[in-house]
Amino acid sequence: AKNTTTSQLKDQDYWLGNKTKVEAASKKAVDQLEPAKTLDATRLFTTVRQLALDAGIPSRNVRNEGSSPQESNGTFSVNTLGIRVDANDPDGPKNWEAIKKFYLSLEERSPYIAIKQFILQPVPRNPGMLTLILKVSSVEVH
């Protein structure tokens, strides 16, 4: 416990000691974003759902699994959502191809959409079908 506390205090000391540098780097990064392309939590979900649809995954198979509290510093906010994608539509394209296309389209939206977690798993009763569990985030400039 002592080593953990010491490590946490060192981390805090580092961030506090470099506060000016961190804030300057954040401002520079935000200045490079186009505000019209940034997404609030609602637009993040609708954009992700549309990208899935464009990849051949029916919108009914894309569910919002909830959001994390918004992180904000006043200049910009980070919105994070859990998304569940069931690519097991029997009328749709091959599962893997749709998921791959969806993933690549998400990557193309960087830095406006970031993939924080990507879990691909077979459906227990039908291993030929796939479920994708994502955690995605977006930057929203105020």
Protein backbone atom coordinates (compact mmCIF):
# COMPACT_ATOMS: atom_id res chain seq x y z
CA ALA A 1 0.00 0.00 0.00
CA LYS A 2 2.88 2.36 0.81
CA ASN A 3 4.50 1.82 -2.60
CA THR A 4 1.17 2.43 -4.36
CA THR A 5 0.59 5.65 -2.43
CA THR A 6 4.14 6.82 -3.12
CA SER A 7 3.70 6.08 -6.84
CA GLN A 8 0.38 7.93 -6.94
CA LEU A 9 1.90 10.95 -5.19
CA LYS A 10 4.78 10.99 -7.69
CA ASP A 11 2.28 10.90 -10.56
CA GLN A 12 0.28 13.76 -9.05
CA ASP A 13 3.45 15.75 -8.43
CA TYR A 14 4.49 15.25 -12.08
CA TRP A 15 1.15 16.47 -13.45
CA LEU A 16 1.00 19.42 -11.07
CA GLY A 17 4.58 20.35 -11.89
CA ASN A 18 3.86 20.23 -15.61
CA LYS A 19 0.41 21.84 -15.49
CA THR A 20 1.41 24.73 -17.75
CA LYS A 21 2.94 22.42 -20.37
CA VAL A 22 -0.07 20.08 -20.30
CA GLU A 23 -2.52 22.98 -20.68
CA ALA A 24 -0.49 24.47 -23.54
CA ALA A 25 -0.37 21.11 -25.34
CA SER A 26 -4.14 20.69 -24.85
CA LYS A 27 -4.83 24.15 -26.26
CA LYS A 28 -2.59 23.50 -29.26
CA ALA A 29 -4.37 20.20 -29.96
CA VAL A 30 -7.81 21.81 -29.68
CA ASP A 31 -6.78 24.67 -31.97
CA GLN A 32 -6.04 22.11 -34.70
CA LEU A 33 -9.59 20.69 -34.58
CA GLU A 34 -12.43 21.94 -36.73
CA PRO A 35 -15.23 22.73 -34.22
CA ALA A 36 -17.94 21.73 -36.72
CA LYS A 37 -16.50 18.18 -36.87
CA THR A 38 -16.45 17.70 -33.10
CA LEU A 39 -19.25 15.60 -31.59
CA ASP A 40 -21.35 15.77 -28.46
CA ALA A 41 -22.55 12.45 -26.98
CA THR A 42 -25.75 12.37 -29.05
CA ARG A 43 -23.97 13.11 -32.34
CA LEU A 44 -21.28 10.57 -31.42
CA PHE A 45 -23.85 7.78 -31.15
CA THR A 46 -25.76 8.76 -34.29
CA THR A 47 -22.47 9.00 -36.24
CA VAL A 48 -21.28 5.59 -35.02
CA ARG A 49 -24.66 4.05 -35.85
CA GLN A 50 -24.54 5.56 -39.37
CA LEU A 51 -20.99 4.27 -39.93
CA ALA A 52 -22.18 0.79 -38.91
CA LEU A 53 -25.13 1.06 -41.31
CA ASP A 54 -22.78 2.15 -44.12
CA ALA A 55 -20.66 -0.92 -43.36
CA GLY A 56 -23.65 -3.22 -43.79
CA ILE A 57 -24.68 -3.61 -40.14
CA PRO A 58 -28.38 -2.82 -39.60
CA SER A 59 -28.99 0.11 -37.25
CA ARG A 60 -31.21 -2.13 -35.07
CA ASN A 61 -28.05 -4.11 -34.26
CA VAL A 62 -26.20 -1.09 -32.83
CA ARG A 63 -27.04 -0.22 -29.24
CA ASN A 64 -25.89 2.53 -26.91
CA GLU A 65 -24.73 0.76 -23.74
CA GLY A 66 -24.40 3.97 -21.73
CA SER A 67 -22.01 6.84 -21.32
CA SER A 68 -19.26 7.76 -18.93
CA PRO A 69 -19.41 11.16 -17.25
CA GLN A 70 -18.30 13.90 -19.60
CA GLU A 71 -14.79 15.18 -18.91
CA SER A 72 -14.35 18.90 -19.51
CA ASN A 73 -11.81 21.62 -18.96
CA GLY A 74 -14.04 24.46 -20.19
CA THR A 75 -12.39 24.68 -23.62
CA PHE A 76 -13.30 21.18 -24.76
CA SER A 77 -15.04 18.08 -23.46
CA VAL A 78 -14.50 14.39 -24.02
CA ASN A 79 -17.62 12.24 -24.40
CA THR A 80 -17.32 8.47 -23.98
CA LEU A 81 -19.92 5.87 -24.95
CA GLY A 82 -20.22 2.12 -24.71
CA ILE A 83 -21.54 0.63 -27.96
CA ARG A 84 -22.67 -2.93 -28.62
CA VAL A 85 -22.77 -4.10 -32.23
CA ASP A 86 -24.43 -7.40 -33.03
CA ALA A 87 -23.25 -8.20 -36.53
CA ASN A 88 -25.33 -11.34 -36.58
CA ASP A 89 -28.02 -10.29 -39.01
CA PRO A 90 -28.77 -13.32 -41.20
CA ASP A 91 -29.83 -11.06 -44.07
CA GLY A 92 -26.70 -8.92 -43.87
CA PRO A 93 -23.20 -9.41 -45.30
CA LYS A 94 -20.59 -11.67 -43.81
CA ASN A 95 -20.04 -10.66 -40.19
CA TRP A 96 -16.28 -10.20 -40.30
CA GLU A 97 -16.30 -8.12 -43.47
CA ALA A 98 -18.95 -5.75 -42.06
CA ILE A 99 -17.11 -5.36 -38.78
CA LYS A 100 -13.79 -4.76 -40.54
CA LYS A 101 -15.33 -2.10 -42.76
CA PHE A 102 -17.00 -0.50 -39.71
CA TYR A 103 -13.72 -0.47 -37.78
CA LEU A 104 -11.82 1.13 -40.66
CA SER A 105 -14.48 3.82 -41.05
CA LEU A 106 -14.20 4.62 -37.33
CA GLU A 107 -10.42 4.89 -37.69
CA GLU A 108 -10.85 7.36 -40.55
CA ARG A 109 -12.77 9.69 -38.19
CA SER A 110 -9.76 10.11 -35.88
CA PRO A 111 -9.12 12.41 -33.98
CA TYR A 112 -12.83 13.30 -33.80
CA ILE A 113 -13.76 9.74 -32.81
CA ALA A 114 -11.33 7.56 -30.87
CA ILE A 115 -11.64 3.85 -30.12
CA LYS A 116 -10.78 3.33 -26.46
CA GLN A 117 -11.80 -0.34 -26.26
CA PHE A 118 -12.49 -3.00 -28.89
CA ILE A 119 -13.72 -6.45 -27.89
CA LEU A 120 -14.79 -8.89 -30.59
CA GLN A 121 -16.40 -12.10 -29.42
CA PRO A 122 -18.40 -14.95 -30.93
CA VAL A 123 -22.06 -15.32 -30.05
CA PRO A 124 -22.08 -18.22 -27.52
CA ARG A 125 -24.72 -20.32 -29.27
CA ASN A 126 -23.53 -19.48 -32.76
CA PRO A 127 -19.73 -19.01 -33.01
CA GLY A 128 -20.07 -18.03 -36.68
CA MET A 129 -21.78 -14.82 -35.57
CA LEU A 130 -19.90 -11.97 -33.91
CA THR A 131 -20.60 -9.32 -31.30
CA LEU A 132 -18.47 -6.22 -31.01
CA ILE A 133 -18.25 -4.28 -27.77
CA LEU A 134 -16.74 -0.84 -28.19
CA LYS A 135 -15.89 2.10 -26.06
CA VAL A 136 -15.57 5.19 -28.22
CA SER A 137 -14.93 8.81 -27.35
CA SER A 138 -15.27 12.12 -29.10
CA VAL A 139 -13.92 15.60 -28.55
CA GLU A 140 -16.39 18.46 -28.34
CA VAL A 141 -15.01 22.00 -28.65
CA HIS A 142 -16.99 24.66 -26.78
